[in-house]
Amino acid sequence: MSFKLFKQIIKRMVAVFMAQALGVLGAGSLVGIGVLESSLLAGFLGIAHVMEMLARKYMDDGKLTLKEVNEAFNTQPIKK
């Protein structure tokens, strides 16, 4: 894996963390969990999901291509 691809993965994981954390800002207070704790939990779970998908793709052939990275980050169907 190239350093350029590694940097792209790190940047995209930060974006996943932000998207997941911001999506639950108020939801934690409904069940008695603080805003910070619920945001951190959601962010880390989002990253864990992507890391699992990347690990599974790496196990297939011992390589990660840009296509495989894009597939791991695009878990929702793309509307045409």
PDB file of N, CA and C in Angstrom:
ATOM      1  N   MET A   1       0.856  -1.170   0.000  1.00  0.00           N
ATOM      2  CA  MET A   1       0.000   0.000   0.000  1.00  0.00           C
ATOM      3  C   MET A   1       0.903   1.233   0.000  1.00  0.00           C
ATOM      4  N   SER A   2       0.559   2.164  -0.849  1.00  0.00           N
ATOM      5  CA  SER A   2       1.363   3.377  -0.955  1.00  0.00           C
ATOM      6  C   SER A   2       1.034   4.347   0.173  1.00  0.00           C
ATOM      7  N   PHE A   3       1.967   5.256   0.425  1.00  0.00           N
ATOM      8  CA  PHE A   3       1.756   6.265   1.468  1.00  0.00           C
ATOM      9  C   PHE A   3       0.601   7.184   1.103  1.00  0.00           C
ATOM     10  N   LYS A   4       0.435   7.458  -0.183  1.00  0.00           N
ATOM     11  CA  LYS A   4      -0.670   8.304  -0.638  1.00  0.00           C
ATOM     12  C   LYS A   4      -2.017   7.655  -0.315  1.00  0.00           C
ATOM     13  N   LEU A   5      -2.128   6.351  -0.550  1.00  0.00           N
ATOM     14  CA  LEU A   5      -3.350   5.632  -0.245  1.00  0.00           C
ATOM     15  C   LEU A   5      -3.580   5.589   1.267  1.00  0.00           C
ATOM     16  N   PHE A   6      -2.520   5.401   2.039  1.00  0.00           N
ATOM     17  CA  PHE A   6      -2.616   5.391   3.494  1.00  0.00           C
ATOM     18  C   PHE A   6      -3.140   6.727   4.015  1.00  0.00           C
ATOM     19  N   LYS A   7      -2.618   7.833   3.484  1.00  0.00           N
ATOM     20  CA  LYS A   7      -3.083   9.160   3.895  1.00  0.00           C
ATOM     21  C   LYS A   7      -4.558   9.351   3.559  1.00  0.00           C
ATOM     22  N   GLN A   8      -4.969   8.865   2.399  1.00  0.00           N
ATOM     23  CA  GLN A   8      -6.365   8.987   1.997  1.00  0.00           C
ATOM     24  C   GLN A   8      -7.272   8.197   2.947  1.00  0.00           C
ATOM     25  N   ILE A   9      -6.839   7.013   3.347  1.00  0.00           N
ATOM     26  CA  ILE A   9      -7.627   6.198   4.269  1.00  0.00           C
ATOM     27  C   ILE A   9      -7.776   6.914   5.612  1.00  0.00           C
ATOM     28  N   ILE A  10      -6.683   7.480   6.129  1.00  0.00           N
ATOM     29  CA  ILE A  10      -6.730   8.189   7.414  1.00  0.00           C
ATOM     30  C   ILE A  10      -7.682   9.383   7.333  1.00  0.00           C
ATOM     31  N   LYS A  11      -7.576  10.165   6.273  1.00  0.00           N
ATOM     32  CA  LYS A  11      -8.461  11.324   6.115  1.00  0.00           C
ATOM     33  C   LYS A  11      -9.925  10.900   6.038  1.00  0.00           C
ATOM     34  N   ARG A  12     -10.184   9.825   5.338  1.00  0.00           N
ATOM     35  CA  ARG A  12     -11.560   9.367   5.187  1.00  0.00           C
ATOM     36  C   ARG A  12     -12.094   8.785   6.498  1.00  0.00           C
ATOM     37  N   MET A  13     -11.213   8.192   7.303  1.00  0.00           N
ATOM     38  CA  MET A  13     -11.652   7.692   8.605  1.00  0.00           C
ATOM     39  C   MET A  13     -12.018   8.843   9.534  1.00  0.00           C
ATOM     40  N   VAL A  14     -11.286   9.939   9.448  1.00  0.00           N
ATOM     41  CA  VAL A  14     -11.647  11.124  10.227  1.00  0.00           C
ATOM     42  C   VAL A  14     -13.029  11.607   9.795  1.00  0.00           C
ATOM     43  N   ALA A  15     -13.281  11.592   8.507  1.00  0.00           N
ATOM     44  CA  ALA A  15     -14.595  12.012   8.005  1.00  0.00           C
ATOM     45  C   ALA A  15     -15.693  11.072   8.490  1.00  0.00           C
ATOM     46  N   VAL A  16     -15.428   9.770   8.510  1.00  0.00           N
ATOM     47  CA  VAL A  16     -16.406   8.802   9.010  1.00  0.00           C
ATOM     48  C   VAL A  16     -16.694   9.078  10.484  1.00  0.00           C
ATOM     49  N   PHE A  17     -15.626   9.324  11.254  1.00  0.00           N
ATOM     50  CA  PHE A  17     -15.798   9.608  12.678  1.00  0.00           C
ATOM     51  C   PHE A  17     -16.692  10.829  12.869  1.00  0.00           C
ATOM     52  N   MET A  18     -16.396  11.886  12.131  1.00  0.00           N
ATOM     53  CA  MET A  18     -17.177  13.117  12.262  1.00  0.00           C
ATOM     54  C   MET A  18     -18.642  12.890  11.869  1.00  0.00           C
ATOM     55  N   ALA A  19     -18.862  12.205  10.767  1.00  0.00           N
ATOM     56  CA  ALA A  19     -20.235  11.977  10.308  1.00  0.00           C
ATOM     57  C   ALA A  19     -21.023  11.142  11.311  1.00  0.00           C
ATOM     58  N   GLN A  20     -20.397  10.110  11.853  1.00  0.00           N
ATOM     59  CA  GLN A  20     -21.088   9.256  12.818  1.00  0.00           C
ATOM     60  C   GLN A  20     -21.320   9.981  14.136  1.00  0.00           C
ATOM     61  N   ALA A  21     -20.315  10.707  14.605  1.00  0.00           N
ATOM     62  CA  ALA A  21     -20.417  11.396  15.895  1.00  0.00           C
ATOM     63  C   ALA A  21     -21.448  12.511  15.844  1.00  0.00           C
ATOM     64  N   LEU A  22     -21.449  13.284  14.780  1.00  0.00           N
ATOM     65  CA  LEU A  22     -22.393  14.387  14.675  1.00  0.00           C
ATOM     66  C   LEU A  22     -23.829  13.902  14.502  1.00  0.00           C
ATOM     67  N   GLY A  23     -23.976  12.705  13.986  1.00  0.00           N
ATOM     68  CA  GLY A  23     -25.302  12.156  13.763  1.00  0.00           C
ATOM     69  C   GLY A  23     -26.033  11.756  15.040  1.00  0.00           C
ATOM     70  N   VAL A  24     -25.316  11.631  16.157  1.00  0.00           N
ATOM     71  CA  VAL A  24     -25.948  11.173  17.402  1.00  0.00           C
ATOM     72  C   VAL A  24     -25.799  12.176  18.540  1.00  0.00           C
ATOM     73  N   LEU A  25     -25.530  13.410  18.229  1.00  0.00           N
ATOM     74  CA  LEU A  25     -25.287  14.396  19.285  1.00  0.00           C
ATOM     75  C   LEU A  25     -26.391  14.445  20.332  1.00  0.00           C
ATOM     76  N   GLY A  26     -27.619  14.466  19.932  1.00  0.00           N
ATOM     77  CA  GLY A  26     -28.703  14.560  20.898  1.00  0.00           C
ATOM     78  C   GLY A  26     -29.288  13.230  21.310  1.00  0.00           C
ATOM     79  N   ALA A  27     -29.010  12.179  20.565  1.00  0.00           N
ATOM     80  CA  ALA A  27     -29.638  10.881  20.822  1.00  0.00           C
ATOM     81  C   ALA A  27     -29.194  10.270  22.146  1.00  0.00           C
ATOM     82  N   GLY A  28     -27.965  10.468  22.536  1.00  0.00           N
ATOM     83  CA  GLY A  28     -27.475   9.886  23.781  1.00  0.00           C
ATOM     84  C   GLY A  28     -28.194  10.415  25.002  1.00  0.00           C
ATOM     85  N   SER A  29     -28.580  11.673  24.968  1.00  0.00           N
ATOM     86  CA  SER A  29     -29.258  12.249  26.132  1.00  0.00           C
ATOM     87  C   SER A  29     -30.624  11.625  26.362  1.00  0.00           C
ATOM     88  N   LEU A  30     -31.216  11.061  25.333  1.00  0.00           N
ATOM     89  CA  LEU A  30     -32.518  10.415  25.483  1.00  0.00           C
ATOM     90  C   LEU A  30     -32.443   9.154  26.337  1.00  0.00           C
ATOM     91  N   VAL A  31     -31.288   8.492  26.326  1.00  0.00           N
ATOM     92  CA  VAL A  31     -31.136   7.252  27.090  1.00  0.00           C
ATOM     93  C   VAL A  31     -30.187   7.418  28.263  1.00  0.00           C
ATOM     94  N   GLY A  32     -29.841   8.645  28.594  1.00  0.00           N
ATOM     95  CA  GLY A  32     -29.020   8.896  29.771  1.00  0.00           C
ATOM     96  C   GLY A  32     -27.519   8.832  29.565  1.00  0.00           C
ATOM     97  N   ILE A  33     -27.071   8.895  28.338  1.00  0.00           N
ATOM     98  CA  ILE A  33     -25.636   8.909  28.045  1.00  0.00           C
ATOM     99  C   ILE A  33     -25.262  10.335  27.681  1.00  0.00           C
ATOM    100  N   GLY A  34     -24.123  10.796  28.155  1.00  0.00           N
ATOM    101  CA  GLY A  34     -23.678  12.144  27.859  1.00  0.00           C
ATOM    102  C   GLY A  34     -23.399  12.348  26.381  1.00  0.00           C
ATOM    103  N   VAL A  35     -23.423  13.599  25.976  1.00  0.00           N
ATOM    104  CA  VAL A  35     -23.209  13.941  24.566  1.00  0.00           C
ATOM    105  C   VAL A  35     -21.830  13.489  24.103  1.00  0.00           C
ATOM    106  N   LEU A  36     -20.805  13.754  24.888  1.00  0.00           N
ATOM    107  CA  LEU A  36     -19.443  13.373  24.502  1.00  0.00           C
ATOM    108  C   LEU A  36     -19.305  11.865  24.373  1.00  0.00           C
ATOM    109  N   GLU A  37     -19.823  11.142  25.357  1.00  0.00           N
ATOM    110  CA  GLU A  37     -19.697   9.681  25.330  1.00  0.00           C
ATOM    111  C   GLU A  37     -20.431   9.075  24.142  1.00  0.00           C
ATOM    112  N   SER A  38     -21.646   9.553  23.869  1.00  0.00           N
ATOM    113  CA  SER A  38     -22.400   8.978  22.749  1.00  0.00           C
ATOM    114  C   SER A  38     -21.748   9.323  21.411  1.00  0.00           C
ATOM    115  N   SER A  39     -21.196  10.525  21.301  1.00  0.00           N
ATOM    116  CA  SER A  39     -20.513  10.913  20.061  1.00  0.00           C
ATOM    117  C   SER A  39     -19.256  10.086  19.839  1.00  0.00           C
ATOM    118  N   LEU A  40     -18.462   9.902  20.899  1.00  0.00           N
ATOM    119  CA  LEU A  40     -17.247   9.090  20.778  1.00  0.00           C
ATOM    120  C   LEU A  40     -17.582   7.650  20.422  1.00  0.00           C
ATOM    121  N   LEU A  41     -18.597   7.105  21.070  1.00  0.00           N
ATOM    122  CA  LEU A  41     -18.990   5.729  20.786  1.00  0.00           C
ATOM    123  C   LEU A  41     -19.419   5.568  19.337  1.00  0.00           C
ATOM    124  N   ALA A  42     -20.259   6.470  18.857  1.00  0.00           N
ATOM    125  CA  ALA A  42     -20.722   6.387  17.470  1.00  0.00           C
ATOM    126  C   ALA A  42     -19.568   6.547  16.488  1.00  0.00           C
ATOM    127  N   GLY A  43     -18.669   7.490  16.763  1.00  0.00           N
ATOM    128  CA  GLY A  43     -17.526   7.709  15.885  1.00  0.00           C
ATOM    129  C   GLY A  43     -16.618   6.498  15.802  1.00  0.00           C
ATOM    130  N   PHE A  44     -16.299   5.921  16.965  1.00  0.00           N
ATOM    131  CA  PHE A  44     -15.411   4.756  16.983  1.00  0.00           C
ATOM    132  C   PHE A  44     -16.075   3.530  16.363  1.00  0.00           C
ATOM    133  N   LEU A  45     -17.376   3.386  16.530  1.00  0.00           N
ATOM    134  CA  LEU A  45     -18.069   2.261  15.892  1.00  0.00           C
ATOM    135  C   LEU A  45     -18.071   2.403  14.374  1.00  0.00           C
ATOM    136  N   GLY A  46     -18.206   3.626  13.886  1.00  0.00           N
ATOM    137  CA  GLY A  46     -18.131   3.847  12.441  1.00  0.00           C
ATOM    138  C   GLY A  46     -16.759   3.483  11.888  1.00  0.00           C
ATOM    139  N   ILE A  47     -15.713   3.900  12.593  1.00  0.00           N
ATOM    140  CA  ILE A  47     -14.348   3.577  12.171  1.00  0.00           C
ATOM    141  C   ILE A  47     -14.115   2.070  12.243  1.00  0.00           C
ATOM    142  N   ALA A  48     -14.604   1.431  13.304  1.00  0.00           N
ATOM    143  CA  ALA A  48     -14.419  -0.017  13.444  1.00  0.00           C
ATOM    144  C   ALA A  48     -15.069  -0.767  12.290  1.00  0.00           C
ATOM    145  N   HIS A  49     -16.228  -0.302  11.857  1.00  0.00           N
ATOM    146  CA  HIS A  49     -16.918  -0.952  10.736  1.00  0.00           C
ATOM    147  C   HIS A  49     -16.079  -0.854   9.452  1.00  0.00           C
ATOM    148  N   VAL A  50     -15.542   0.329   9.187  1.00  0.00           N
ATOM    149  CA  VAL A  50     -14.715   0.510   7.986  1.00  0.00           C
ATOM    150  C   VAL A  50     -13.439  -0.314   8.095  1.00  0.00           C
ATOM    151  N   MET A  51     -12.814  -0.332   9.273  1.00  0.00           N
ATOM    152  CA  MET A  51     -11.582  -1.104   9.453  1.00  0.00           C
ATOM    153  C   MET A  51     -11.831  -2.590   9.243  1.00  0.00           C
ATOM    154  N   GLU A  52     -12.982  -3.075   9.689  1.00  0.00           N
ATOM    155  CA  GLU A  52     -13.316  -4.483   9.473  1.00  0.00           C
ATOM    156  C   GLU A  52     -13.436  -4.782   7.982  1.00  0.00           C
ATOM    157  N   MET A  53     -14.102  -3.894   7.251  1.00  0.00           N
ATOM    158  CA  MET A  53     -14.259  -4.117   5.813  1.00  0.00           C
ATOM    159  C   MET A  53     -12.907  -4.076   5.097  1.00  0.00           C
ATOM    160  N   LEU A  54     -12.035  -3.142   5.496  1.00  0.00           N
ATOM    161  CA  LEU A  54     -10.701  -3.071   4.892  1.00  0.00           C
ATOM    162  C   LEU A  54      -9.899  -4.335   5.210  1.00  0.00           C
ATOM    163  N   ALA A  55     -10.000  -4.810   6.441  1.00  0.00           N
ATOM    164  CA  ALA A  55      -9.273  -6.029   6.826  1.00  0.00           C
ATOM    165  C   ALA A  55      -9.757  -7.231   6.019  1.00  0.00           C
ATOM    166  N   ARG A  56     -11.062  -7.328   5.807  1.00  0.00           N
ATOM    167  CA  ARG A  56     -11.590  -8.449   5.030  1.00  0.00           C
ATOM    168  C   ARG A  56     -11.113  -8.388   3.575  1.00  0.00           C
ATOM    169  N   LYS A  57     -11.059  -7.190   3.018  1.00  0.00           N
ATOM    170  CA  LYS A  57     -10.585  -7.048   1.642  1.00  0.00           C
ATOM    171  C   LYS A  57      -9.080  -7.342   1.554  1.00  0.00           C
ATOM    172  N   TYR A  58      -8.332  -6.976   2.589  1.00  0.00           N
ATOM    173  CA  TYR A  58      -6.895  -7.263   2.615  1.00  0.00           C
ATOM    174  C   TYR A  58      -6.650  -8.768   2.730  1.00  0.00           C
ATOM    175  N   MET A  59      -7.501  -9.461   3.483  1.00  0.00           N
ATOM    176  CA  MET A  59      -7.323 -10.902   3.657  1.00  0.00           C
ATOM    177  C   MET A  59      -7.517 -11.664   2.348  1.00  0.00           C
ATOM    178  N   ASP A  60      -8.282 -11.112   1.423  1.00  0.00           N
ATOM    179  CA  ASP A  60      -8.536 -11.806   0.161  1.00  0.00           C
ATOM    180  C   ASP A  60      -7.261 -12.077  -0.615  1.00  0.00           C
ATOM    181  N   ASP A  61      -6.407 -11.042  -0.783  1.00  0.00           N
ATOM    182  CA  ASP A  61      -5.209 -11.219  -1.599  1.00  0.00           C
ATOM    183  C   ASP A  61      -3.955 -10.559  -1.025  1.00  0.00           C
ATOM    184  N   GLY A  62      -4.042 -10.015   0.171  1.00  0.00           N
ATOM    185  CA  GLY A  62      -2.870  -9.402   0.792  1.00  0.00           C
ATOM    186  C   GLY A  62      -2.554  -8.012   0.264  1.00  0.00           C
ATOM    187  N   LYS A  63      -3.498  -7.415  -0.464  1.00  0.00           N
ATOM    188  CA  LYS A  63      -3.307  -6.067  -1.013  1.00  0.00           C
ATOM    189  C   LYS A  63      -4.589  -5.275  -0.840  1.00  0.00           C
ATOM    190  N   LEU A  64      -4.436  -3.964  -0.800  1.00  0.00           N
ATOM    191  CA  LEU A  64      -5.580  -3.060  -0.824  1.00  0.00           C
ATOM    192  C   LEU A  64      -5.427  -2.143  -2.019  1.00  0.00           C
ATOM    193  N   THR A  65      -6.387  -2.182  -2.896  1.00  0.00           N
ATOM    194  CA  THR A  65      -6.384  -1.282  -4.040  1.00  0.00           C
ATOM    195  C   THR A  65      -7.291  -0.093  -3.745  1.00  0.00           C
ATOM    196  N   LEU A  66      -7.175   0.935  -4.565  1.00  0.00           N
ATOM    197  CA  LEU A  66      -8.028   2.102  -4.401  1.00  0.00           C
ATOM    198  C   LEU A  66      -9.498   1.714  -4.568  1.00  0.00           C
ATOM    199  N   LYS A  67      -9.767   0.802  -5.473  1.00  0.00           N
ATOM    200  CA  LYS A  67     -11.139   0.334  -5.684  1.00  0.00           C
ATOM    201  C   LYS A  67     -11.689  -0.331  -4.419  1.00  0.00           C
ATOM    202  N   GLU A  68     -10.877  -1.163  -3.776  1.00  0.00           N
ATOM    203  CA  GLU A  68     -11.312  -1.839  -2.551  1.00  0.00           C
ATOM    204  C   GLU A  68     -11.524  -0.841  -1.411  1.00  0.00           C
ATOM    205  N   VAL A  69     -10.665   0.166  -1.327  1.00  0.00           N
ATOM    206  CA  VAL A  69     -10.828   1.199  -0.304  1.00  0.00           C
ATOM    207  C   VAL A  69     -12.122   1.956  -0.539  1.00  0.00           C
ATOM    208  N   ASN A  70     -12.378   2.316  -1.787  1.00  0.00           N
ATOM    209  CA  ASN A  70     -13.618   3.027  -2.107  1.00  0.00           C
ATOM    210  C   ASN A  70     -14.846   2.180  -1.771  1.00  0.00           C
ATOM    211  N   GLU A  71     -14.773   0.892  -2.031  1.00  0.00           N
ATOM    212  CA  GLU A  71     -15.884  -0.001  -1.700  1.00  0.00           C
ATOM    213  C   GLU A  71     -16.111  -0.058  -0.197  1.00  0.00           C
ATOM    214  N   ALA A  72     -15.045  -0.046   0.587  1.00  0.00           N
ATOM    215  CA  ALA A  72     -15.180  -0.114   2.041  1.00  0.00           C
ATOM    216  C   ALA A  72     -15.829   1.144   2.603  1.00  0.00           C
ATOM    217  N   PHE A  73     -15.528   2.287   2.012  1.00  0.00           N
ATOM    218  CA  PHE A  73     -16.092   3.539   2.506  1.00  0.00           C
ATOM    219  C   PHE A  73     -17.484   3.820   1.948  1.00  0.00           C
ATOM    220  N   ASN A  74     -17.816   3.267   0.822  1.00  0.00           N
ATOM    221  CA  ASN A  74     -19.137   3.476   0.209  1.00  0.00           C
ATOM    222  C   ASN A  74     -20.048   2.312   0.553  1.00  0.00           C
ATOM    223  N   THR A  75     -20.501   2.268   1.806  1.00  0.00           N
ATOM    224  CA  THR A  75     -21.310   1.149   2.253  1.00  0.00           C
ATOM    225  C   THR A  75     -22.783   1.319   1.906  1.00  0.00           C
ATOM    226  N   GLN A  76     -23.191   2.522   1.549  1.00  0.00           N
ATOM    227  CA  GLN A  76     -24.583   2.748   1.185  1.00  0.00           C
ATOM    228  C   GLN A  76     -24.698   2.775  -0.338  1.00  0.00           C
ATOM    229  N   PRO A  77     -25.794   2.250  -0.852  1.00  0.00           N
ATOM    230  CA  PRO A  77     -25.966   2.266  -2.307  1.00  0.00           C
ATOM    231  C   PRO A  77     -25.966   3.703  -2.844  1.00  0.00           C
ATOM    232  N   ILE A  78     -25.347   3.882  -3.968  1.00  0.00           N
ATOM    233  CA  ILE A  78     -25.276   5.194  -4.595  1.00  0.00           C
ATOM    234  C   ILE A  78     -26.487   5.364  -5.500  1.00  0.00           C
ATOM    235  N   LYS A  79     -27.211   6.458  -5.316  1.00  0.00           N
ATOM    236  CA  LYS A  79     -28.375   6.745  -6.152  1.00  0.00           C
ATOM    237  C   LYS A  79     -27.922   7.296  -7.482  1.00  0.00           C
ATOM    238  N   LYS A  80     -28.557   6.824  -8.550  1.00  0.00           N
ATOM    239  CA  LYS A  80     -28.201   7.303  -9.880  1.00  0.00           C
ATOM    240  C   LYS A  80     -29.243   8.259 -10.377  1.00  0.00           C
TER     241      LYS A  80
END
